[in-house]
């Protein structure tokens, strides 16, 4: 948690980016319970309408 806070401060100071603001992203995936194959499939489905 300390490292996350440190990185958040650094990104804000250097780049003016709030890394907690997810509204700037087109796609946000919680991948902590997904296999690499599931991640790839999810991205493919969401980006091009591809079905795995």
PDB file of N, CA and C in Angstrom:
ATOM      1  N   UNK A   1       0.818  -1.189   0.000  1.00  0.00           N
ATOM      2  CA  UNK A   1       0.000   0.000   0.000  1.00  0.00           C
ATOM      3  C   UNK A   1       0.867   1.260   0.000  1.00  0.00           C
ATOM      4  N   UNK A   2       1.995   1.167   0.706  1.00  0.00           N
ATOM      5  CA  UNK A   2       2.911   2.316   0.720  1.00  0.00           C
ATOM      6  C   UNK A   2       3.478   2.574  -0.668  1.00  0.00           C
ATOM      7  N   UNK A   3       3.832   1.485  -1.366  1.00  0.00           N
ATOM      8  CA  UNK A   3       4.383   1.629  -2.712  1.00  0.00           C
ATOM      9  C   UNK A   3       3.343   2.221  -3.655  1.00  0.00           C
ATOM     10  N   UNK A   4       2.099   1.764  -3.549  1.00  0.00           N
ATOM     11  CA  UNK A   4       1.029   2.306  -4.379  1.00  0.00           C
ATOM     12  C   UNK A   4       0.855   3.798  -4.141  1.00  0.00           C
ATOM     13  N   UNK A   5       0.865   4.188  -2.892  1.00  0.00           N
ATOM     14  CA  UNK A   5       0.720   5.600  -2.554  1.00  0.00           C
ATOM     15  C   UNK A   5       1.892   6.412  -3.091  1.00  0.00           C
ATOM     16  N   UNK A   6       3.100   5.850  -2.974  1.00  0.00           N
ATOM     17  CA  UNK A   6       4.293   6.521  -3.473  1.00  0.00           C
ATOM     18  C   UNK A   6       4.226   6.705  -4.988  1.00  0.00           C
ATOM     19  N   UNK A   7       3.799   5.658  -5.703  1.00  0.00           N
ATOM     20  CA  UNK A   7       3.692   5.747  -7.159  1.00  0.00           C
ATOM     21  C   UNK A   7       2.614   6.737  -7.563  1.00  0.00           C
ATOM     22  N   UNK A   8       1.509   6.762  -6.834  1.00  0.00           N
ATOM     23  CA  UNK A   8       0.438   7.711  -7.135  1.00  0.00           C
ATOM     24  C   UNK A   8       0.940   9.142  -7.010  1.00  0.00           C
ATOM     25  N   UNK A   9       1.705   9.413  -5.952  1.00  0.00           N
ATOM     26  CA  UNK A   9       2.269  10.761  -5.766  1.00  0.00           C
ATOM     27  C   UNK A   9       3.256  11.091  -6.883  1.00  0.00           C
ATOM     28  N   UNK A  10       4.091  10.134  -7.232  1.00  0.00           N
ATOM     29  CA  UNK A  10       5.093  10.357  -8.272  1.00  0.00           C
ATOM     30  C   UNK A  10       4.441  10.640  -9.622  1.00  0.00           C
ATOM     31  N   UNK A  11       3.460   9.852 -10.012  1.00  0.00           N
ATOM     32  CA  UNK A  11       2.780  10.079 -11.286  1.00  0.00           C
ATOM     33  C   UNK A  11       2.074  11.429 -11.307  1.00  0.00           C
ATOM     34  N   UNK A  12       1.500  11.805 -10.183  1.00  0.00           N
ATOM     35  CA  UNK A  12       0.821  13.106 -10.099  1.00  0.00           C
ATOM     36  C   UNK A  12       1.840  14.234 -10.227  1.00  0.00           C
ATOM     37  N   UNK A  13       2.973  14.099  -9.533  1.00  0.00           N
ATOM     38  CA  UNK A  13       4.000  15.150  -9.561  1.00  0.00           C
ATOM     39  C   UNK A  13       4.679  15.253 -10.922  1.00  0.00           C
ATOM     40  N   UNK A  14       5.071  14.117 -11.509  1.00  0.00           N
ATOM     41  CA  UNK A  14       5.827  14.131 -12.765  1.00  0.00           C
ATOM     42  C   UNK A  14       4.952  14.351 -13.997  1.00  0.00           C
ATOM     43  N   UNK A  15       3.798  13.698 -14.011  1.00  0.00           N
ATOM     44  CA  UNK A  15       2.998  13.673 -15.228  1.00  0.00           C
ATOM     45  C   UNK A  15       1.630  14.340 -15.098  1.00  0.00           C
ATOM     46  N   UNK A  16       1.252  14.732 -13.882  1.00  0.00           N
ATOM     47  CA  UNK A  16      -0.056  15.322 -13.682  1.00  0.00           C
ATOM     48  C   UNK A  16      -1.190  14.319 -13.830  1.00  0.00           C
ATOM     49  N   UNK A  17      -0.875  13.047 -13.625  1.00  0.00           N
ATOM     50  CA  UNK A  17      -1.854  11.974 -13.811  1.00  0.00           C
ATOM     51  C   UNK A  17      -2.309  11.428 -12.463  1.00  0.00           C
ATOM     52  N   UNK A  18      -3.623  11.335 -12.307  1.00  0.00           N
ATOM     53  CA  UNK A  18      -4.199  10.698 -11.124  1.00  0.00           C
ATOM     54  C   UNK A  18      -4.456   9.237 -11.488  1.00  0.00           C
ATOM     55  N   UNK A  19      -3.607   8.326 -11.020  1.00  0.00           N
ATOM     56  CA  UNK A  19      -3.724   6.927 -11.416  1.00  0.00           C
ATOM     57  C   UNK A  19      -4.964   6.241 -10.854  1.00  0.00           C
ATOM     58  N   UNK A  20      -5.643   6.886  -9.936  1.00  0.00           N
ATOM     59  CA  UNK A  20      -6.882   6.329  -9.406  1.00  0.00           C
ATOM     60  C   UNK A  20      -8.106   6.726 -10.232  1.00  0.00           C
ATOM     61  N   UNK A  21      -7.920   7.628 -11.184  1.00  0.00           N
ATOM     62  CA  UNK A  21      -9.018   8.071 -12.046  1.00  0.00           C
ATOM     63  C   UNK A  21      -9.128   7.119 -13.231  1.00  0.00           C
ATOM     64  N   UNK A  22     -10.017   6.158 -13.136  1.00  0.00           N
ATOM     65  CA  UNK A  22     -10.159   5.146 -14.183  1.00  0.00           C
ATOM     66  C   UNK A  22     -10.984   5.623 -15.368  1.00  0.00           C
ATOM     67  N   UNK A  23     -11.550   6.813 -15.284  1.00  0.00           N
ATOM     68  CA  UNK A  23     -12.396   7.317 -16.365  1.00  0.00           C
ATOM     69  C   UNK A  23     -11.611   7.599 -17.650  1.00  0.00           C
ATOM     70  N   UNK A  24     -10.307   7.689 -17.562  1.00  0.00           N
ATOM     71  CA  UNK A  24      -9.499   7.985 -18.745  1.00  0.00           C
ATOM     72  C   UNK A  24      -9.196   6.739 -19.577  1.00  0.00           C
ATOM     73  N   UNK A  25      -9.556   5.581 -19.073  1.00  0.00           N
ATOM     74  CA  UNK A  25      -9.276   4.324 -19.760  1.00  0.00           C
ATOM     75  C   UNK A  25     -10.487   3.842 -20.540  1.00  0.00           C
ATOM     76  N   UNK A  26     -10.240   3.183 -21.665  1.00  0.00           N
ATOM     77  CA  UNK A  26     -11.308   2.589 -22.457  1.00  0.00           C
ATOM     78  C   UNK A  26     -11.756   1.249 -21.878  1.00  0.00           C
ATOM     79  N   UNK A  27     -10.826   0.542 -21.240  1.00  0.00           N
ATOM     80  CA  UNK A  27     -11.135  -0.778 -20.690  1.00  0.00           C
ATOM     81  C   UNK A  27     -10.331  -0.984 -19.419  1.00  0.00           C
ATOM     82  N   UNK A  28     -11.010  -1.419 -18.370  1.00  0.00           N
ATOM     83  CA  UNK A  28     -10.355  -1.734 -17.104  1.00  0.00           C
ATOM     84  C   UNK A  28     -10.770  -3.149 -16.729  1.00  0.00           C
ATOM     85  N   UNK A  29      -9.786  -4.027 -16.542  1.00  0.00           N
ATOM     86  CA  UNK A  29     -10.060  -5.415 -16.179  1.00  0.00           C
ATOM     87  C   UNK A  29      -9.412  -5.743 -14.847  1.00  0.00           C
ATOM     88  N   UNK A  30     -10.165  -6.402 -13.990  1.00  0.00           N
ATOM     89  CA  UNK A  30      -9.596  -6.951 -12.760  1.00  0.00           C
ATOM     90  C   UNK A  30      -9.128  -8.357 -13.115  1.00  0.00           C
ATOM     91  N   UNK A  31      -7.831  -8.511 -13.254  1.00  0.00           N
ATOM     92  CA  UNK A  31      -7.277  -9.770 -13.763  1.00  0.00           C
ATOM     93  C   UNK A  31      -6.735 -10.687 -12.681  1.00  0.00           C
ATOM     94  N   UNK A  32      -6.937 -10.322 -11.421  1.00  0.00           N
ATOM     95  CA  UNK A  32      -6.344 -11.099 -10.336  1.00  0.00           C
ATOM     96  C   UNK A  32      -6.884 -12.526 -10.256  1.00  0.00           C
ATOM     97  N   UNK A  33      -8.050 -12.797 -10.811  1.00  0.00           N
ATOM     98  CA  UNK A  33      -8.608 -14.162 -10.778  1.00  0.00           C
ATOM     99  C   UNK A  33      -8.788 -14.730 -12.175  1.00  0.00           C
ATOM    100  N   UNK A  34      -8.061 -14.171 -13.136  1.00  0.00           N
ATOM    101  CA  UNK A  34      -8.162 -14.628 -14.524  1.00  0.00           C
ATOM    102  C   UNK A  34      -6.844 -15.269 -14.948  1.00  0.00           C
ATOM    103  N   UNK A  35      -6.953 -16.276 -15.802  1.00  0.00           N
ATOM    104  CA  UNK A  35      -5.751 -16.865 -16.391  1.00  0.00           C
ATOM    105  C   UNK A  35      -5.278 -15.936 -17.508  1.00  0.00           C
ATOM    106  N   UNK A  36      -4.024 -16.081 -17.929  1.00  0.00           N
ATOM    107  CA  UNK A  36      -3.562 -15.262 -19.056  1.00  0.00           C
ATOM    108  C   UNK A  36      -4.438 -15.447 -20.300  1.00  0.00           C
ATOM    109  N   UNK A  37      -4.891 -16.657 -20.535  1.00  0.00           N
ATOM    110  CA  UNK A  37      -5.746 -16.930 -21.690  1.00  0.00           C
ATOM    111  C   UNK A  37      -7.085 -16.197 -21.565  1.00  0.00           C
ATOM    112  N   UNK A  38      -7.640 -16.157 -20.359  1.00  0.00           N
ATOM    113  CA  UNK A  38      -8.900 -15.448 -20.135  1.00  0.00           C
ATOM    114  C   UNK A  38      -8.733 -13.947 -20.348  1.00  0.00           C
ATOM    115  N   UNK A  39      -7.602 -13.418 -19.942  1.00  0.00           N
ATOM    116  CA  UNK A  39      -7.323 -11.992 -20.141  1.00  0.00           C
ATOM    117  C   UNK A  39      -7.278 -11.686 -21.631  1.00  0.00           C
ATOM    118  N   UNK A  40      -6.542 -12.485 -22.383  1.00  0.00           N
ATOM    119  CA  UNK A  40      -6.429 -12.289 -23.830  1.00  0.00           C
ATOM    120  C   UNK A  40      -7.795 -12.372 -24.487  1.00  0.00           C
ATOM    121  N   UNK A  41      -8.569 -13.366 -24.109  1.00  0.00           N
ATOM    122  CA  UNK A  41      -9.899 -13.557 -24.682  1.00  0.00           C
ATOM    123  C   UNK A  41     -10.805 -12.374 -24.363  1.00  0.00           C
ATOM    124  N   UNK A  42     -10.787 -11.905 -23.144  1.00  0.00           N
ATOM    125  CA  UNK A  42     -11.624 -10.776 -22.743  1.00  0.00           C
ATOM    126  C   UNK A  42     -11.261  -9.524 -23.531  1.00  0.00           C
ATOM    127  N   UNK A  43      -9.980  -9.267 -23.677  1.00  0.00           N
ATOM    128  CA  UNK A  43      -9.537  -8.095 -24.444  1.00  0.00           C
ATOM    129  C   UNK A  43      -9.975  -8.227 -25.899  1.00  0.00           C
ATOM    130  N   UNK A  44      -9.781  -9.402 -26.474  1.00  0.00           N
ATOM    131  CA  UNK A  44     -10.169  -9.629 -27.862  1.00  0.00           C
ATOM    132  C   UNK A  44     -11.674  -9.441 -28.056  1.00  0.00           C
ATOM    133  N   UNK A  45     -12.472  -9.994 -27.153  1.00  0.00           N
ATOM    134  CA  UNK A  45     -13.926  -9.863 -27.256  1.00  0.00           C
ATOM    135  C   UNK A  45     -14.371  -8.411 -27.151  1.00  0.00           C
ATOM    136  N   UNK A  46     -13.769  -7.673 -26.248  1.00  0.00           N
ATOM    137  CA  UNK A  46     -14.185  -6.283 -26.022  1.00  0.00           C
ATOM    138  C   UNK A  46     -13.678  -5.353 -27.124  1.00  0.00           C
ATOM    139  N   UNK A  47     -12.537  -5.682 -27.729  1.00  0.00           N
ATOM    140  CA  UNK A  47     -11.958  -4.747 -28.688  1.00  0.00           C
ATOM    141  C   UNK A  47     -12.462  -4.954 -30.116  1.00  0.00           C
ATOM    142  N   UNK A  48     -12.682  -6.173 -30.526  1.00  0.00           N
ATOM    143  CA  UNK A  48     -13.054  -6.424 -31.916  1.00  0.00           C
ATOM    144  C   UNK A  48     -14.326  -7.246 -32.050  1.00  0.00           C
ATOM    145  N   UNK A  49     -14.982  -7.580 -30.947  1.00  0.00           N
ATOM    146  CA  UNK A  49     -16.161  -8.398 -31.032  1.00  0.00           C
ATOM    147  C   UNK A  49     -15.857  -9.863 -31.283  1.00  0.00           C
ATOM    148  N   UNK A  50     -14.603 -10.236 -31.127  1.00  0.00           N
ATOM    149  CA  UNK A  50     -14.176 -11.624 -31.327  1.00  0.00           C
ATOM    150  C   UNK A  50     -14.747 -12.492 -30.228  1.00  0.00           C
ATOM    151  N   UNK A  51     -15.189 -13.699 -30.566  1.00  0.00           N
ATOM    152  CA  UNK A  51     -15.706 -14.636 -29.567  1.00  0.00           C
ATOM    153  C   UNK A  51     -14.734 -15.797 -29.392  1.00  0.00           C
ATOM    154  N   UNK A  52     -14.349 -16.079 -28.162  1.00  0.00           N
ATOM    155  CA  UNK A  52     -13.444 -17.187 -27.865  1.00  0.00           C
ATOM    156  C   UNK A  52     -14.222 -18.478 -27.687  1.00  0.00           C
TER     157      UNK A  52
END
